[in-house]
Amino acid sequence: MRARRTPLAHYLVALVLGLMGGAGISELGMSTRTDLMGVPWLVSVLLFLLGLAILIMAFQVHRYAKGDRKQMDLRFAVNVLIMSKALGIACAALLGWYGSQALISMGHAGAPYYTRVMQECLVASLVCLLDVMAGAVGEWLCQLPPDDGPENPDRRKKSSRRPMADAADTADRAEIKAASSKKHS
């Protein structure tokens, strides 16, 4: 199995869904006069720290891929790749969520409540944008060089230089298969 980069379309879909969700919550909060908008400052700080931690772990995987680090648990590398992908997609949705709330609050910037919501959401949107970039960069850092598997270009070149050896191997396999079928008959 081969891990693929997250397509840009996935980020855009998450962003649009977040925009729709944030706008819906904003309209619901304004029509019912409930406090549904905004984001606690702690959330922005935690999102920033999460993005930073994932980038640091992705850099460790990158060091292993370059050969600067001798050993690494491959489950750790896969988990960091998964976390990078999840961070990018989740923060794209949150960027839309908080961004739409900030845009809707700008229309009511004269009221202190909406000014506070706008400030909170703009900071959270900036942090989410940074985390989307951190997720994409982390995903890039987690790319491992190909091993000596069948898709390695060096291996293909070597096998194309030895057509006679490949033909001999095929003939040997045919003889073994014929002998095996005679035994079982």
C-alpha atoms as a PDB file:
ATOM      1  CA  MET A   1       0.000   0.000   0.000  1.00  0.00           C
ATOM      2  CA  ARG A   2       1.223   3.439  -0.819  1.00  0.00           C
ATOM      3  CA  ALA A   3       0.277   6.592   1.110  1.00  0.00           C
ATOM      4  CA  ARG A   4      -0.811   9.470  -1.072  1.00  0.00           C
ATOM      5  CA  ARG A   5      -0.780  13.178  -0.413  1.00  0.00           C
ATOM      6  CA  THR A   6      -4.086  14.677   0.632  1.00  0.00           C
ATOM      7  CA  PRO A   7      -5.623  16.316  -2.447  1.00  0.00           C
ATOM      8  CA  LEU A   8      -6.319  20.032  -2.335  1.00  0.00           C
ATOM      9  CA  ALA A   9      -9.990  19.282  -2.996  1.00  0.00           C
ATOM     10  CA  HIS A  10     -10.289  17.621   0.432  1.00  0.00           C
ATOM     11  CA  TYR A  11      -9.077  20.786   2.124  1.00  0.00           C
ATOM     12  CA  LEU A  12     -11.519  22.874   0.079  1.00  0.00           C
ATOM     13  CA  VAL A  13     -14.474  20.614   0.886  1.00  0.00           C
ATOM     14  CA  ALA A  14     -13.643  20.773   4.601  1.00  0.00           C
ATOM     15  CA  LEU A  15     -13.335  24.567   4.367  1.00  0.00           C
ATOM     16  CA  VAL A  16     -16.716  24.931   2.631  1.00  0.00           C
ATOM     17  CA  LEU A  17     -18.418  22.610   5.121  1.00  0.00           C
ATOM     18  CA  GLY A  18     -16.888  24.608   7.955  1.00  0.00           C
ATOM     19  CA  LEU A  19     -18.066  27.870   6.394  1.00  0.00           C
ATOM     20  CA  MET A  20     -21.607  26.545   6.132  1.00  0.00           C
ATOM     21  CA  GLY A  21     -21.588  25.180   9.684  1.00  0.00           C
ATOM     22  CA  GLY A  22     -20.150  28.360  11.194  1.00  0.00           C
ATOM     23  CA  ALA A  23     -22.590  30.556   9.304  1.00  0.00           C
ATOM     24  CA  GLY A  24     -25.482  28.351  10.419  1.00  0.00           C
ATOM     25  CA  ILE A  25     -24.433  28.541  14.069  1.00  0.00           C
ATOM     26  CA  SER A  26     -23.971  32.306  13.787  1.00  0.00           C
ATOM     27  CA  GLU A  27     -27.444  32.800  12.336  1.00  0.00           C
ATOM     28  CA  LEU A  28     -28.960  30.478  14.931  1.00  0.00           C
ATOM     29  CA  GLY A  29     -27.188  32.344  17.731  1.00  0.00           C
ATOM     30  CA  MET A  30     -28.364  35.728  16.457  1.00  0.00           C
ATOM     31  CA  SER A  31     -31.964  34.645  15.925  1.00  0.00           C
ATOM     32  CA  THR A  32     -32.305  32.955  19.329  1.00  0.00           C
ATOM     33  CA  ARG A  33     -30.102  35.472  21.161  1.00  0.00           C
ATOM     34  CA  THR A  34     -27.936  32.747  22.645  1.00  0.00           C
ATOM     35  CA  ASP A  35     -24.183  32.713  23.081  1.00  0.00           C
ATOM     36  CA  LEU A  36     -23.183  30.177  20.432  1.00  0.00           C
ATOM     37  CA  MET A  37     -20.513  32.205  18.655  1.00  0.00           C
ATOM     38  CA  GLY A  38     -16.861  32.703  19.425  1.00  0.00           C
ATOM     39  CA  VAL A  39     -14.051  30.482  20.647  1.00  0.00           C
ATOM     40  CA  PRO A  40     -12.251  30.393  23.996  1.00  0.00           C
ATOM     41  CA  TRP A  41      -8.677  31.646  23.848  1.00  0.00           C
ATOM     42  CA  LEU A  42      -7.480  28.328  25.255  1.00  0.00           C
ATOM     43  CA  VAL A  43      -8.656  26.538  22.097  1.00  0.00           C
ATOM     44  CA  SER A  44      -6.455  28.738  19.916  1.00  0.00           C
ATOM     45  CA  VAL A  45      -3.446  28.120  22.153  1.00  0.00           C
ATOM     46  CA  LEU A  46      -4.027  24.351  22.194  1.00  0.00           C
ATOM     47  CA  LEU A  47      -4.476  24.213  18.406  1.00  0.00           C
ATOM     48  CA  PHE A  48      -1.213  26.095  17.950  1.00  0.00           C
ATOM     49  CA  LEU A  49       0.640  23.751  20.318  1.00  0.00           C
ATOM     50  CA  LEU A  50      -0.849  20.705  18.603  1.00  0.00           C
ATOM     51  CA  GLY A  51       0.339  21.916  15.202  1.00  0.00           C
ATOM     52  CA  LEU A  52       3.790  22.619  16.592  1.00  0.00           C
ATOM     53  CA  ALA A  53       4.022  19.157  18.207  1.00  0.00           C
ATOM     54  CA  ILE A  54       3.002  17.414  14.972  1.00  0.00           C
ATOM     55  CA  LEU A  55       5.562  19.421  13.002  1.00  0.00           C
ATOM     56  CA  ILE A  56       8.316  18.442  15.449  1.00  0.00           C
ATOM     57  CA  MET A  57       7.353  14.756  15.197  1.00  0.00           C
ATOM     58  CA  ALA A  58       7.205  14.990  11.387  1.00  0.00           C
ATOM     59  CA  PHE A  59      10.687  16.503  11.382  1.00  0.00           C
ATOM     60  CA  GLN A  60      11.927  13.457  13.329  1.00  0.00           C
ATOM     61  CA  VAL A  61      10.428  11.170  10.674  1.00  0.00           C
ATOM     62  CA  HIS A  62      12.094  13.284   7.986  1.00  0.00           C
ATOM     63  CA  ARG A  63      15.457  12.932   9.734  1.00  0.00           C
ATOM     64  CA  TYR A  64      14.983   9.156   9.726  1.00  0.00           C
ATOM     65  CA  ALA A  65      14.070   9.177   6.031  1.00  0.00           C
ATOM     66  CA  LYS A  66      17.218  11.167   5.200  1.00  0.00           C
ATOM     67  CA  GLY A  67      19.378   8.797   7.246  1.00  0.00           C
ATOM     68  CA  ASP A  68      20.329  11.277   9.988  1.00  0.00           C
ATOM     69  CA  ARG A  69      18.499   9.161  12.539  1.00  0.00           C
ATOM     70  CA  LYS A  70      19.348   5.456  12.692  1.00  0.00           C
ATOM     71  CA  GLN A  71      16.250   3.855  14.235  1.00  0.00           C
ATOM     72  CA  MET A  72      12.564   4.634  14.388  1.00  0.00           C
ATOM     73  CA  ASP A  73       9.444   2.677  15.118  1.00  0.00           C
ATOM     74  CA  LEU A  74       7.653   2.601  11.786  1.00  0.00           C
ATOM     75  CA  ARG A  75       4.281   2.740  13.557  1.00  0.00           C
ATOM     76  CA  PHE A  76       5.360   6.130  14.899  1.00  0.00           C
ATOM     77  CA  ALA A  77       6.083   7.336  11.355  1.00  0.00           C
ATOM     78  CA  VAL A  78       2.708   6.138  10.113  1.00  0.00           C
ATOM     79  CA  ASN A  79       0.917   7.690  13.084  1.00  0.00           C
ATOM     80  CA  VAL A  80       2.627  11.022  12.500  1.00  0.00           C
ATOM     81  CA  LEU A  81       1.565  10.895   8.849  1.00  0.00           C
ATOM     82  CA  ILE A  82      -2.030  10.179   9.889  1.00  0.00           C
ATOM     83  CA  MET A  83      -1.958  12.983  12.462  1.00  0.00           C
ATOM     84  CA  SER A  84      -0.586  15.404   9.862  1.00  0.00           C
ATOM     85  CA  LYS A  85      -3.395  14.530   7.464  1.00  0.00           C
ATOM     86  CA  ALA A  86      -6.017  14.813  10.211  1.00  0.00           C
ATOM     87  CA  LEU A  87      -4.630  18.139  11.428  1.00  0.00           C
ATOM     88  CA  GLY A  88      -4.773  19.614   7.945  1.00  0.00           C
ATOM     89  CA  ILE A  89      -8.349  18.507   7.203  1.00  0.00           C
ATOM     90  CA  ALA A  90      -9.741  19.300  10.669  1.00  0.00           C
ATOM     91  CA  CYS A  91      -8.161  22.730  10.774  1.00  0.00           C
ATOM     92  CA  ALA A  92      -9.413  23.510   7.266  1.00  0.00           C
ATOM     93  CA  ALA A  93     -12.946  22.848   8.549  1.00  0.00           C
ATOM     94  CA  LEU A  94     -12.285  24.917  11.677  1.00  0.00           C
ATOM     95  CA  LEU A  95     -10.841  27.703   9.532  1.00  0.00           C
ATOM     96  CA  GLY A  96     -14.156  27.870   7.691  1.00  0.00           C
ATOM     97  CA  TRP A  97     -16.122  27.639  10.937  1.00  0.00           C
ATOM     98  CA  TYR A  98     -14.307  30.428  12.728  1.00  0.00           C
ATOM     99  CA  GLY A  99     -13.787  32.484   9.575  1.00  0.00           C
ATOM    100  CA  SER A 100     -17.508  32.600   8.820  1.00  0.00           C
ATOM    101  CA  GLN A 101     -18.277  33.625  12.397  1.00  0.00           C
ATOM    102  CA  ALA A 102     -15.681  36.396  12.176  1.00  0.00           C
ATOM    103  CA  LEU A 103     -17.150  37.647   8.877  1.00  0.00           C
ATOM    104  CA  ILE A 104     -20.696  37.672  10.225  1.00  0.00           C
ATOM    105  CA  SER A 105     -19.543  39.452  13.395  1.00  0.00           C
ATOM    106  CA  MET A 106     -17.904  42.206  11.346  1.00  0.00           C
ATOM    107  CA  GLY A 107     -21.350  43.405  10.351  1.00  0.00           C
ATOM    108  CA  HIS A 108     -22.140  44.067  14.012  1.00  0.00           C
ATOM    109  CA  ALA A 109     -18.712  45.333  15.115  1.00  0.00           C
ATOM    110  CA  GLY A 110     -20.240  48.219  17.083  1.00  0.00           C
ATOM    111  CA  ALA A 111     -21.559  45.878  19.774  1.00  0.00           C
ATOM    112  CA  PRO A 112     -19.002  44.768  22.388  1.00  0.00           C
ATOM    113  CA  TYR A 113     -20.132  41.118  22.227  1.00  0.00           C
ATOM    114  CA  TYR A 114     -19.590  40.904  18.474  1.00  0.00           C
ATOM    115  CA  THR A 115     -16.262  42.745  18.717  1.00  0.00           C
ATOM    116  CA  ARG A 116     -15.031  40.108  21.175  1.00  0.00           C
ATOM    117  CA  VAL A 117     -16.366  37.265  18.984  1.00  0.00           C
ATOM    118  CA  MET A 118     -14.710  38.798  15.924  1.00  0.00           C
ATOM    119  CA  GLN A 119     -11.334  39.065  17.692  1.00  0.00           C
ATOM    120  CA  GLU A 120     -11.503  35.518  19.043  1.00  0.00           C
ATOM    121  CA  CYS A 121     -12.523  34.064  15.690  1.00  0.00           C
ATOM    122  CA  LEU A 122      -9.895  35.986  13.724  1.00  0.00           C
ATOM    123  CA  VAL A 123      -7.136  34.704  16.024  1.00  0.00           C
ATOM    124  CA  ALA A 124      -8.548  31.163  15.849  1.00  0.00           C
ATOM    125  CA  SER A 125      -8.762  31.443  12.034  1.00  0.00           C
ATOM    126  CA  LEU A 126      -5.120  32.493  11.840  1.00  0.00           C
ATOM    127  CA  VAL A 127      -4.065  29.588  14.064  1.00  0.00           C
ATOM    128  CA  CYS A 128      -6.145  27.175  11.971  1.00  0.00           C
ATOM    129  CA  LEU A 129      -4.545  28.491   8.779  1.00  0.00           C
ATOM    130  CA  LEU A 130      -1.115  27.896  10.316  1.00  0.00           C
ATOM    131  CA  ASP A 131      -2.200  24.394  11.329  1.00  0.00           C
ATOM    132  CA  VAL A 132      -3.439  23.597   7.817  1.00  0.00           C
ATOM    133  CA  MET A 133      -0.002  24.553   6.539  1.00  0.00           C
ATOM    134  CA  ALA A 134       1.646  22.572   9.369  1.00  0.00           C
ATOM    135  CA  GLY A 135      -0.421  19.519   8.409  1.00  0.00           C
ATOM    136  CA  ALA A 136       0.550  19.797   4.747  1.00  0.00           C
ATOM    137  CA  VAL A 137       4.229  20.336   5.581  1.00  0.00           C
ATOM    138  CA  GLY A 138       4.118  17.481   8.111  1.00  0.00           C
ATOM    139  CA  GLU A 139       2.650  15.232   5.453  1.00  0.00           C
ATOM    140  CA  TRP A 140       5.474  16.183   3.097  1.00  0.00           C
ATOM    141  CA  LEU A 141       8.102  15.595   5.804  1.00  0.00           C
ATOM    142  CA  CYS A 142       6.754  12.086   6.424  1.00  0.00           C
ATOM    143  CA  GLN A 143       7.557  10.882   2.915  1.00  0.00           C
ATOM    144  CA  LEU A 144       9.855   7.905   3.136  1.00  0.00           C
ATOM    145  CA  PRO A 145      12.244   7.043   0.329  1.00  0.00           C
ATOM    146  CA  PRO A 146      11.322   3.865  -1.556  1.00  0.00           C
ATOM    147  CA  ASP A 147      12.903   0.672  -0.292  1.00  0.00           C
ATOM    148  CA  ASP A 148      14.288  -2.044  -2.521  1.00  0.00           C
ATOM    149  CA  GLY A 149      10.770  -3.167  -3.418  1.00  0.00           C
ATOM    150  CA  PRO A 150       9.446  -3.866  -6.901  1.00  0.00           C
ATOM    151  CA  GLU A 151       8.717  -0.191  -7.629  1.00  0.00           C
ATOM    152  CA  ASN A 152      12.317   0.865  -7.029  1.00  0.00           C
ATOM    153  CA  PRO A 153      13.747   2.160 -10.349  1.00  0.00           C
ATOM    154  CA  ASP A 154      17.174   0.658  -9.615  1.00  0.00           C
ATOM    155  CA  ARG A 155      15.663  -2.792  -9.269  1.00  0.00           C
ATOM    156  CA  ARG A 156      13.830  -2.459 -12.584  1.00  0.00           C
ATOM    157  CA  LYS A 157      17.076  -1.492 -14.329  1.00  0.00           C
ATOM    158  CA  LYS A 158      18.919  -4.493 -12.878  1.00  0.00           C
ATOM    159  CA  SER A 159      16.231  -6.943 -13.918  1.00  0.00           C
ATOM    160  CA  SER A 160      16.108  -5.535 -17.444  1.00  0.00           C
ATOM    161  CA  ARG A 161      19.866  -6.112 -17.791  1.00  0.00           C
ATOM    162  CA  ARG A 162      19.539  -9.833 -16.974  1.00  0.00           C
ATOM    163  CA  PRO A 163      16.868 -11.194 -19.327  1.00  0.00           C
ATOM    164  CA  MET A 164      18.585 -14.588 -19.578  1.00  0.00           C
ATOM    165  CA  ALA A 165      18.590 -15.088 -15.815  1.00  0.00           C
ATOM    166  CA  ASP A 166      14.872 -14.231 -15.672  1.00  0.00           C
ATOM    167  CA  ALA A 167      14.130 -16.707 -18.451  1.00  0.00           C
ATOM    168  CA  ALA A 168      16.104 -19.410 -16.616  1.00  0.00           C
ATOM    169  CA  ASP A 169      14.176 -18.692 -13.410  1.00  0.00           C
ATOM    170  CA  THR A 170      10.899 -19.047 -15.314  1.00  0.00           C
ATOM    171  CA  ALA A 171      12.020 -22.366 -16.790  1.00  0.00           C
ATOM    172  CA  ASP A 172      13.024 -23.631 -13.329  1.00  0.00           C
ATOM    173  CA  ARG A 173       9.627 -22.671 -11.924  1.00  0.00           C
ATOM    174  CA  ALA A 174       7.884 -24.523 -14.775  1.00  0.00           C
ATOM    175  CA  GLU A 175       9.920 -27.679 -14.055  1.00  0.00           C
ATOM    176  CA  ILE A 176       9.115 -27.514 -10.336  1.00  0.00           C
ATOM    177  CA  LYS A 177       5.428 -27.030 -11.085  1.00  0.00           C
ATOM    178  CA  ALA A 178       5.411 -30.014 -13.486  1.00  0.00           C
ATOM    179  CA  ALA A 179       7.196 -32.224 -10.950  1.00  0.00           C
ATOM    180  CA  SER A 180       4.766 -31.157  -8.242  1.00  0.00           C
ATOM    181  CA  SER A 181       1.713 -31.935 -10.374  1.00  0.00           C
ATOM    182  CA  LYS A 182       3.124 -35.430 -11.213  1.00  0.00           C
ATOM    183  CA  LYS A 183       3.585 -36.135  -7.492  1.00  0.00           C
ATOM    184  CA  HIS A 184      -0.001 -35.213  -6.666  1.00  0.00           C
ATOM    185  CA  SER A 185      -1.520 -37.249  -9.548  1.00  0.00           C
END
